Each structure stands twice: as C-alpha cells, then as structure tokens.
Protein backbone atom coordinates (compact mmCIF):
# COMPACT_ATOMS: atom_id res chain seq x y z
CA MET A 1 0.19 0.22 -0.03
CA SER A 2 1.67 3.41 -1.36
CA ILE A 3 1.79 5.95 1.27
CA PRO A 4 0.17 9.81 0.64
CA HIS A 5 2.36 12.23 0.54
CA GLY A 6 2.61 16.24 -0.84
CA PRO A 7 3.44 17.15 -3.97
CA LEU A 8 7.72 18.41 -4.40
CA ILE A 9 8.81 22.25 -3.90
CA ARG A 10 11.88 21.97 -5.99
CA SER A 11 12.08 26.63 -6.79
CA PHE A 12 11.11 29.22 -5.53
CA ALA A 13 8.56 29.78 -8.08
CA ASP A 14 6.36 27.04 -6.00
CA LEU A 15 6.68 28.67 -2.91
CA THR A 16 6.16 31.70 -4.19
CA ASP A 17 3.72 31.11 -7.40
CA GLY A 18 2.24 28.17 -6.31
CA PRO A 19 -0.79 27.66 -4.51
CA LEU A 20 0.35 27.66 -1.04
CA ASP A 21 -1.50 29.82 1.79
CA ARG A 22 0.79 32.97 3.29
CA HIS A 23 -0.91 33.05 5.99
CA ARG A 24 -1.05 29.62 7.35
CA PRO A 25 1.81 27.64 9.58
CA VAL A 26 5.60 26.94 6.81
CA VAL A 27 8.00 24.77 8.88
CA THR A 28 11.79 25.93 7.76
CA LEU A 29 14.88 23.76 8.83
CA PHE A 30 17.19 26.11 10.14
CA SER A 31 20.77 25.18 10.80
CA GLY A 32 21.88 28.84 10.57
CA GLY A 33 23.99 28.59 8.22
CA LEU A 34 23.82 31.13 4.75
CA ASP A 35 21.50 28.45 2.56
CA SER A 36 18.41 28.30 5.55
CA THR A 37 19.51 32.03 7.01
CA TYR A 38 18.83 32.81 2.87
CA LEU A 39 15.49 30.75 2.77
CA LEU A 40 13.93 33.00 5.53
CA HIS A 41 14.52 35.98 3.76
CA ARG A 42 13.06 35.23 0.49
CA LEU A 43 9.99 34.11 2.34
CA ALA A 44 9.67 36.63 4.25
CA ARG A 45 10.39 38.89 1.39
CA ALA A 46 7.39 36.93 -0.14
CA GLY A 47 5.25 37.72 2.36
CA PHE A 48 4.49 34.15 4.35
CA THR A 49 3.74 36.06 8.10
CA ASP A 50 3.94 33.12 9.87
CA VAL A 51 7.13 31.20 9.25
CA HIS A 52 8.78 28.64 11.81
CA ALA A 53 12.36 27.55 11.68
CA PHE A 54 12.99 24.58 13.18
CA SER A 55 16.55 23.23 15.10
CA ALA A 56 17.62 20.57 16.45
CA ASP A 57 20.41 20.15 19.03
CA LEU A 58 22.27 16.95 18.09
CA GLY A 59 25.11 16.85 20.39
CA ALA A 60 27.19 20.13 18.20
CA GLY A 61 27.03 23.29 20.51
CA GLU A 62 24.87 25.27 18.57
CA ASP A 63 24.87 28.72 19.49
CA ALA A 64 21.42 29.43 21.30
CA ASP A 65 21.57 32.93 20.76
CA GLU A 66 23.02 32.67 17.62
CA LEU A 67 19.98 31.43 15.63
CA ARG A 68 17.93 33.62 18.20
CA HIS A 69 20.06 36.25 16.43
CA THR A 70 18.94 35.76 12.70
CA THR A 71 15.24 34.18 13.38
CA ASP A 72 14.50 37.37 15.56
CA HIS A 73 16.28 39.50 12.62
CA LEU A 74 13.64 38.29 10.35
CA GLY A 75 10.62 37.96 12.31
CA VAL A 76 10.76 34.43 11.95
CA ARG A 77 9.65 32.63 15.42
CA LEU A 78 12.44 29.97 16.29
CA HIS A 79 11.81 25.46 17.61
CA LEU A 80 15.59 24.55 19.38
CA VAL A 81 14.02 20.32 20.05
CA ASP A 82 17.27 19.04 22.63
CA ALA A 83 17.50 15.52 20.54
CA ARG A 84 21.09 14.78 21.57
CA HIS A 85 20.01 11.73 23.37
CA THR A 86 17.11 10.54 20.69
CA PHE A 87 19.84 11.31 18.17
CA ALA A 88 22.15 9.10 20.21
CA ASP A 89 20.12 6.46 21.07
CA SER A 90 17.93 5.47 18.31
CA PHE A 91 19.88 6.56 15.85
CA VAL A 92 24.08 6.35 16.68
CA ARG A 93 23.79 2.95 18.32
CA PRO A 94 21.85 1.41 15.48
CA ALA A 95 24.26 2.96 13.46
CA ILE A 96 27.62 1.06 15.86
CA ALA A 97 25.94 -2.66 15.57
CA ALA A 98 25.85 -2.10 11.69
CA GLN A 99 29.69 -1.02 11.38
CA ALA A 100 28.12 1.85 9.58
CA VAL A 101 30.97 3.09 6.78
CA TYR A 102 30.59 4.55 3.53
CA LEU A 103 32.73 2.20 1.36
CA ASP A 104 35.67 0.99 4.29
CA THR A 105 36.33 5.12 3.68
CA HIS A 106 35.01 7.32 6.25
CA PRO A 107 31.86 6.33 8.92
CA VAL A 108 28.09 7.47 7.89
CA SER A 109 26.87 11.12 9.32
CA SER A 110 24.07 12.53 8.50
CA SER A 111 22.87 9.62 6.49
CA LEU A 112 21.50 9.19 10.43
CA SER A 113 20.43 12.61 11.43
CA ARG A 114 18.62 13.57 8.35
CA PRO A 115 16.13 11.01 8.84
CA LEU A 116 15.22 12.19 12.85
CA ILE A 117 15.21 16.18 11.81
CA ALA A 118 12.62 14.89 9.05
CA ARG A 119 10.50 12.92 11.92
CA LEU A 120 11.05 16.66 14.42
CA ALA A 121 10.12 18.77 11.82
CA LEU A 122 7.07 16.92 10.66
CA ASP A 123 5.39 16.44 14.20
CA LEU A 124 6.29 20.50 14.76
CA ALA A 125 4.27 21.36 10.83
CA THR A 126 1.74 18.79 12.41
CA GLU A 127 1.59 20.38 15.41
CA LEU A 128 1.22 23.67 13.61
CA ASP A 129 -1.36 22.62 10.78
CA ALA A 130 1.55 23.80 8.58
CA ALA A 131 0.84 24.40 4.79
CA ALA A 132 4.88 22.87 3.58
CA VAL A 133 7.79 21.72 5.56
CA VAL A 134 10.77 23.36 3.55
CA HIS A 135 14.65 22.48 3.55
CA THR A 136 17.16 24.04 1.99
CA ALA A 137 19.45 20.48 0.59
CA ASN A 138 21.19 21.28 -2.70
CA PRO A 139 21.62 19.19 -5.99
CA SER A 140 25.44 18.26 -5.23
CA GLN A 141 24.47 17.63 -1.42
CA ASN A 142 23.47 13.80 -0.63
CA THR A 143 21.21 15.52 2.27
CA LEU A 144 18.75 16.86 -0.52
CA ARG A 145 17.46 12.76 -1.04
CA ARG A 146 17.83 11.82 2.73
CA LEU A 147 15.72 14.45 3.51
CA ASN A 148 13.54 13.52 1.30
CA GLY A 149 12.86 9.80 1.56
CA ALA A 150 12.47 9.90 5.22
CA LEU A 151 9.50 12.48 4.96
CA ASP A 152 7.80 10.12 2.19
CA LEU A 153 8.13 7.49 3.91
CA LEU A 154 6.85 8.79 6.65
CA GLY A 155 4.02 9.82 4.94
CA CYS A 156 4.25 14.05 5.24
CA ALA A 157 0.90 14.60 3.27
CA VAL A 158 1.60 18.91 3.08
CA PRO A 159 3.82 19.98 0.17
CA TYR A 160 7.99 19.13 1.23
CA GLY A 161 11.42 19.71 -0.82
CA SER A 162 14.06 22.24 -1.33
CA PRO A 163 13.48 25.16 -3.54
CA TYR A 164 16.94 25.29 -4.19
CA ASP A 165 16.58 21.94 -6.02
CA LEU A 166 16.14 23.67 -10.04
CA ASP A 167 16.72 27.28 -8.47
CA PRO A 168 20.20 27.36 -6.83
CA VAL A 169 21.15 30.47 -6.12
CA ASP A 170 25.39 31.26 -6.22
CA ARG A 171 26.80 32.08 -2.65
CA GLU A 172 27.72 35.55 -3.89
CA GLN A 173 24.61 36.21 -4.35
CA LYS A 174 23.15 35.41 -1.28
CA ALA A 175 26.06 36.98 1.51
CA ARG A 176 25.31 39.95 -0.57
CA GLU A 177 21.69 39.76 0.11
CA LEU A 178 21.54 39.55 3.44
CA GLU A 179 24.27 42.03 3.99
CA GLU A 180 21.96 44.11 2.84
CA ILE A 181 19.62 43.20 5.68
CA GLY A 182 21.98 43.97 8.61
CA LEU A 183 22.93 39.93 8.07
CA PRO A 184 26.98 40.52 6.52
CA HIS A 185 28.31 37.92 8.84
CA LEU A 186 27.11 34.69 7.07
CA GLY A 187 28.72 35.25 4.00
CA LYS A 188 32.67 34.80 5.42
CA ARG A 189 32.37 31.18 6.05
CA VAL A 190 34.98 29.73 3.78
CA ALA A 191 33.26 26.17 4.07
CA SER A 192 29.80 24.55 4.63
CA VAL A 193 30.02 22.73 8.21
CA ASP A 194 27.21 20.16 9.47
CA ALA A 195 27.48 19.10 12.67
CA ASN A 196 27.06 16.78 15.49
CA LEU A 197 28.24 14.88 18.97
CA TRP A 198 28.55 12.21 15.79
CA CYS A 199 30.66 13.83 13.27
CA ARG A 200 32.09 17.23 12.18
CA GLU A 201 31.83 17.45 8.45
CA PHE A 202 33.66 19.95 5.92
CA GLU A 203 32.57 20.62 2.17
CA SER A 204 32.13 23.16 -0.44
CA GLY A 205 33.27 26.25 -0.64
CA VAL A 206 37.64 25.66 -0.25
CA LEU A 207 36.65 22.12 -0.83
CA ASP A 208 35.09 21.53 -3.83
CA ASP A 209 38.00 19.69 -5.58
CA PRO A 210 39.34 16.36 -4.72
CA GLU A 211 42.47 17.29 -6.73
CA ASP A 212 42.94 19.46 -4.52
CA HIS A 213 42.08 20.67 -1.19
CA THR A 214 43.01 21.46 2.46
CA VAL A 215 40.17 22.10 5.64
CA PRO A 216 41.39 24.91 7.14
CA GLU A 217 42.98 24.18 10.40
CA HIS A 218 40.42 26.50 12.71
CA LEU A 219 37.29 23.90 11.50
CA TYR A 220 38.80 21.53 13.20
CA THR A 221 37.60 21.27 16.83
CA TRP A 222 38.03 18.11 18.58
CA THR A 223 40.68 16.95 16.38
CA ALA A 224 43.34 20.62 16.64
CA ARG A 225 46.30 20.47 17.14
CA PRO A 226 47.14 21.69 21.17
CA ALA A 227 49.56 23.47 21.95
CA GLU A 228 51.12 21.11 23.95
CA PRO A 229 51.03 17.37 22.24
CA PRO A 230 49.40 15.40 25.53
CA ALA A 231 51.39 12.33 26.76
CA ASP A 232 50.79 8.71 25.12
CA GLU A 233 47.41 7.07 27.52
CA THR A 234 45.73 4.05 27.74
CA VAL A 235 41.59 4.54 27.85
CA GLU A 236 39.25 1.12 28.30
CA ILE A 237 35.55 1.06 26.40
CA ALA A 238 33.10 -0.53 28.02
CA PHE A 239 30.23 -2.42 25.99
CA ALA A 240 26.73 -4.63 27.07
CA ARG A 241 24.82 -6.27 24.34
CA GLY A 242 26.29 -4.14 21.71
CA VAL A 243 25.65 -0.83 23.26
CA PRO A 244 28.68 1.59 24.76
CA THR A 245 28.19 1.54 28.35
CA ALA A 246 30.76 3.56 30.00
CA LEU A 247 34.85 4.88 29.71
CA ASP A 248 37.67 3.20 32.40
CA GLY A 249 35.38 1.66 34.61
CA ARG A 250 33.10 4.41 34.61
CA PRO A 251 28.95 4.66 33.52
CA LEU A 252 28.20 7.23 31.08
CA PRO A 253 25.12 7.96 29.38
CA LEU A 254 25.79 7.69 25.37
CA PRO A 255 26.02 11.22 24.44
CA GLU A 256 27.97 12.11 27.13
CA LEU A 257 30.42 8.75 26.31
CA ILE A 258 30.24 9.96 22.78
CA GLU A 259 31.05 13.43 23.99
CA ALA A 260 34.23 12.65 25.81
CA LEU A 261 35.47 10.11 24.26
CA ASN A 262 35.22 12.69 21.10
CA LEU A 263 37.84 15.23 23.02
CA ARG A 264 40.21 12.31 24.60
CA ALA A 265 40.58 10.63 21.55
CA GLY A 266 40.96 13.95 19.30
CA ALA A 267 43.61 15.55 21.53
CA HIS A 268 45.86 12.82 20.28
CA GLY A 269 44.37 13.84 16.49
CA ILE A 270 42.50 10.32 15.52
CA GLY A 271 39.89 10.30 14.10
CA ARG A 272 40.35 12.61 10.56
CA TYR A 273 38.76 11.01 7.31
CA SER A 274 38.30 11.90 4.18
CA GLY A 275 36.06 10.44 0.01
CA LEU A 276 34.63 10.68 -1.86
CA GLU A 277 30.78 10.13 -1.86
CA HIS A 278 28.72 9.94 -4.28
CA LEU A 279 25.12 11.88 -6.30
CA PRO A 280 22.05 10.55 -8.42
CA GLY A 281 23.65 9.79 -11.69
CA GLY A 282 26.96 8.32 -10.52
CA HIS A 283 28.91 11.92 -9.83
CA LYS A 284 30.56 12.23 -6.87
CA VAL A 285 31.90 15.33 -4.52
CA LEU A 286 34.63 15.53 -1.87
CA GLU A 287 33.74 15.19 2.10
CA LEU A 288 35.52 16.03 4.20
CA ARG A 289 35.26 15.12 8.38
CA GLU A 290 36.69 14.74 12.07
CA MET A 291 35.73 11.39 14.37
CA PRO A 292 37.25 10.78 16.95
CA ALA A 293 35.01 8.78 19.17
CA ALA A 294 33.63 6.84 15.93
CA ALA A 295 37.06 5.98 14.95
CA LEU A 296 37.18 4.33 18.32
CA LEU A 297 33.88 2.56 19.40
CA LEU A 298 33.61 1.51 16.30
CA ARG A 299 36.85 -0.83 16.13
CA THR A 300 35.76 -1.42 19.81
CA TYR A 301 32.79 -2.87 18.35
CA ARG A 302 33.86 -4.82 15.64
CA HIS A 303 36.52 -6.64 18.42
CA LEU A 304 34.72 -7.58 20.62
CA GLU A 305 32.20 -8.69 17.87
CA THR A 306 34.57 -11.20 16.47
CA ALA A 307 35.84 -12.09 19.64
CA THR A 308 32.20 -13.29 20.71
CA LEU A 309 30.31 -14.42 17.98
CA ALA A 310 30.91 -17.23 14.88
CA ALA A 311 33.35 -16.03 11.96
CA GLU A 312 30.21 -17.42 9.65
CA THR A 313 28.27 -15.16 11.68
CA VAL A 314 30.63 -12.00 11.35
CA ARG A 315 31.27 -12.25 7.20
CA GLU A 316 27.21 -12.35 6.59
CA LYS A 317 26.59 -9.43 8.59
CA MET A 318 29.78 -7.60 7.02
CA HIS A 319 27.64 -7.96 3.64
CA LEU A 320 24.16 -6.50 5.62
CA GLU A 321 26.27 -4.06 7.31
CA GLN A 322 26.58 -2.63 3.56
CA VAL A 323 23.25 -3.17 2.85
CA TRP A 324 21.94 -1.02 5.62
CA VAL A 325 24.28 1.67 4.96
CA ARG A 326 23.49 1.72 1.32
CA GLU A 327 19.30 2.10 2.56
CA ALA A 328 20.68 5.05 4.78
CA LEU A 329 22.50 6.81 2.38
CA GLU A 330 19.77 6.69 -0.09
CA GLY A 331 16.99 8.29 2.26
CA ARG A 332 15.07 4.93 3.32
CA TRP A 333 15.75 4.85 7.23
CA PHE A 334 12.67 4.00 7.51
CA GLY A 335 12.44 2.09 4.55
CA GLU A 336 12.03 -2.11 5.19
CA LEU A 337 15.53 -3.06 3.98
CA ARG A 338 17.24 -1.27 6.91
CA THR A 339 14.50 -1.96 9.30
CA ALA A 340 14.91 -5.53 8.40
CA CYS A 341 19.16 -5.46 8.04
CA GLN A 342 19.24 -4.05 11.48
CA GLU A 343 16.59 -7.15 12.97
CA PHE A 344 19.63 -9.20 12.65
CA ILE A 345 22.17 -6.54 13.58
CA THR A 346 20.80 -6.32 17.03
CA SER A 347 20.05 -10.02 16.96
CA CYS A 348 24.07 -10.14 17.00
CA ALA A 349 24.72 -7.63 19.49
CA THR A 350 23.00 -9.00 21.98
CA ARG A 351 26.20 -11.34 22.59
CA VAL A 352 28.66 -8.16 21.93
CA THR A 353 29.39 -7.35 25.69
CA GLY A 354 33.40 -6.32 27.54
CA THR A 355 36.00 -4.07 27.16
CA VAL A 356 38.70 -3.32 24.95
CA ARG A 357 41.66 -0.97 26.62
CA TRP A 358 43.61 0.91 23.81
CA ARG A 359 47.27 2.82 23.70
CA LEU A 360 46.87 6.61 22.55
CA SER A 361 49.33 8.44 20.63
CA ARG A 362 49.36 10.85 18.79
CA GLY A 363 47.60 9.86 15.60
CA SER A 364 47.43 6.36 16.38
CA ALA A 365 45.35 3.82 18.68
CA HIS A 366 46.63 0.02 20.00
CA THR A 367 45.19 -2.51 21.44
CA ARG A 368 46.79 -3.17 24.77
CA ALA A 369 43.49 -5.78 26.00
CA ILE A 370 40.42 -6.86 24.86
CA THR A 371 37.83 -8.55 26.65
CA ALA A 372 34.68 -10.54 26.25
CA ALA A 373 31.95 -11.55 28.55
CA ALA A 374 31.71 -14.80 26.20
CA PRO A 375 34.66 -14.96 25.17
CA VAL A 376 35.67 -17.87 21.56
CA TYR A 377 38.87 -16.61 21.84
CA VAL A 378 41.74 -18.56 23.21
CA ARG A 379 44.33 -17.38 25.89
CA ASP A 380 47.20 -20.12 25.64
CA ARG A 381 47.11 -21.95 22.62
CA GLU A 382 49.65 -24.72 23.95
CA ALA A 383 46.75 -25.72 26.29
CA TRP A 384 43.98 -25.43 23.43
CA GLU A 385 46.35 -27.75 21.36
CA ARG A 386 46.94 -30.14 24.26
CA ARG A 387 43.52 -30.39 25.13
CA SER A 388 42.11 -30.67 21.51
CA ARG A 389 44.61 -33.05 20.00
CA PRO A 390 43.35 -36.65 19.27
CA GLY A 391 42.95 -39.37 21.30
CA PRO A 392 44.84 -42.76 20.46
CA GLY A 393 42.91 -45.16 17.88
CA PRO A 394 42.08 -48.51 19.27
CA GLY A 395 44.82 -51.20 19.34
CA PRO A 396 45.24 -53.27 16.41
CA ARG A 397 42.83 -56.55 15.97
CA PRO A 398 43.82 -59.73 17.18
C-alpha cells in the first residue's frame, strides 16, 4: 500500500507562485548557515507571515543566541529542540552495531541525522497544521534525497522539499542580499560545516576540488592540534549487549560517552577522514570530517564482535552492513529493508559484551586488551592444542 504524500517543492517559484497560503504556518529546517538563513529571507520577502524555523540540537554545540538573533531579525519563530539523547540512542547506537562505514572510507553521519530531523520537523508541522515543510539542501548534497526520502516514507501529506533543487542561488548573491538586510557575517564562511555529536563534516567552498583541498585548521575542533601534545594514555571502552556503556569503568549515558571520547581521542589527532561520496547519476563529491569517538567505538565493537561471534556470522553480517549503509545513505532509513537488516544486526549485538583497552598516541590507537564476557577466543594456545589433540586410536585387531 502506497503512502500519500504532498507534492515536491523544487524551486522558489513553487513557494511563491504556487497555491501555498502565505498566512498559514510554514516549517523550515534551520541550521543558522547561509542557505537556511537566505531561505527565511526569501520567505519573508515573498510575504509569508507565519514562518517557523526548526533546529534540532544534536550535540554540535549550536549557539542558541546566534540562531535566535537571526530569526528575530527576520521576524521568524525559532523552535530549538534538544534531540541529543534521541539521536545517540536511536540513530548512532544502531549505526555502531551496523559498523556503518561508507565503502571503507568514512563512518556515515548525515545519513543518521537527517531522518531524525525530518521526523521532528514533521511532528512540528503536524502540530501547527503547517502548509509546507521546507529545507535547503542543494543538488550537490546527498541531504536532498535523505530528507525528501525520509519525509516521503513518513507520509508527509503537505508540500515538502528544497527550492534550491531546481533553482540554485550562487553564494555571492546570498551573502550580498543578507548583508543588505543586516546579516553580513554569514558570507564570510569558507566552507559548509555540518556537525553533531557523532561527526563534524566539511564540504563545499574551498573544499570543492578533490584534486586540491586542505581543511583550514581553524575548522577542526576535536582534533585541533594542542599547543602541548598530550602524553600517551590508555582508555578502556566497555560495551554491554552491543551498546557502549562506560569509559575507564565509569558508566556514562551514550551522548556523554561520545562527547568525552571525542575530546580524549581527538586530542591525539585520531579520527580525521576524507572521502568521495556519490550523487544520484554517478558523480561524486568530496567530504572531509573529524570523528574521534566514532573511530574508536566502531573499532572496539568489531573487536568485541569477533571475540564473541562465529566467523561465519560475522562474514554474513559484514555483507548486510553495506546493505544497511546503502539504505540509510539513499534516504530509506524508515524503509523496510534497512529495518530488516537492523533486526539481524540487533540479534548479533546481544552477544557483544566486554571491554577493549586502547593505548592512544599521536595519530594512532593500538589495543592492549580485548576482554569479552562470553569469548570464543583462546588465551593459551598450547593448552588448547593439548586439549584438542586427538586421543590414541583403537589398538590392532587380534
């Protein structure tokens, strides 16, 4: 049975020349960046009188005062929702168990955040009886199909989509128009930054060209080079039934555990990634990111998984992991195939309990102890060989 959904918004004309009632509520996804601020400006200029800017706090340390300054300046109501625990528990946790790494290059991130943002924005739109749900993804951003795909699968019954899909506006024009209305700071950003507690991702601007790119050091936060490099240290990560639960024996909720590990592993320069990600039609774009906690948590999980599961089970799971990643990447988080893969992955996770102790040094992490609650590994090879040696066969027949 198909789920009814609203028509797609793909251009500014769909907003301004279509049948939308400009006095009914409109929900926009708002990050505080150039694209989402420019959208608010265009809606205000077109006469929309009840615009609601939705922003989800996913642990990136958003400046609520700066967001509110922008929306107040434009006469828009801001809805800032604390979704850190939901994001960690319902989206990051399954991704850790699924070893959600894109083509062996980088852990996925926006594939996890976009379905949650879409769901929360749709909840707000339903509460307000909104006329539309609008975001600002560009055709060169995979966010476009992830947000549209999530809203489609969630059954969004009002128009939704991005006016930049078919109607791109160059960066200089957006910056110029916003400066003219008293918001000059947005045009000074050298790259697009997308951040949450799991990842800080950089793209576009000075990072457009895969053949010539260097991330300005000031963009890095977790892996920024300290004036005095930290001494080598050990950290022990505990999992219980597939869920990270403690650092160095100290129980922590998952968001706080990720935050602490981002700082500790990041101080050693661990967790920088670069990679090309495909767009519809086969072209690829460059993305760079820092993900210190992800780097260690994913590796810890794999070590404990191989310590507790049969090799054939792990092999089959590794195949399903890339199916899981593909479905999330293509905007089908709420689809039946990813959900079915998750059932198998969750079943495997029930055995993944134990700890891994890491030695952290500049740019590297090495295991010092892998300890599983129900291990299948051998601790004493010679003893195992003696026990497994076949006994003497029967004597000669008389």
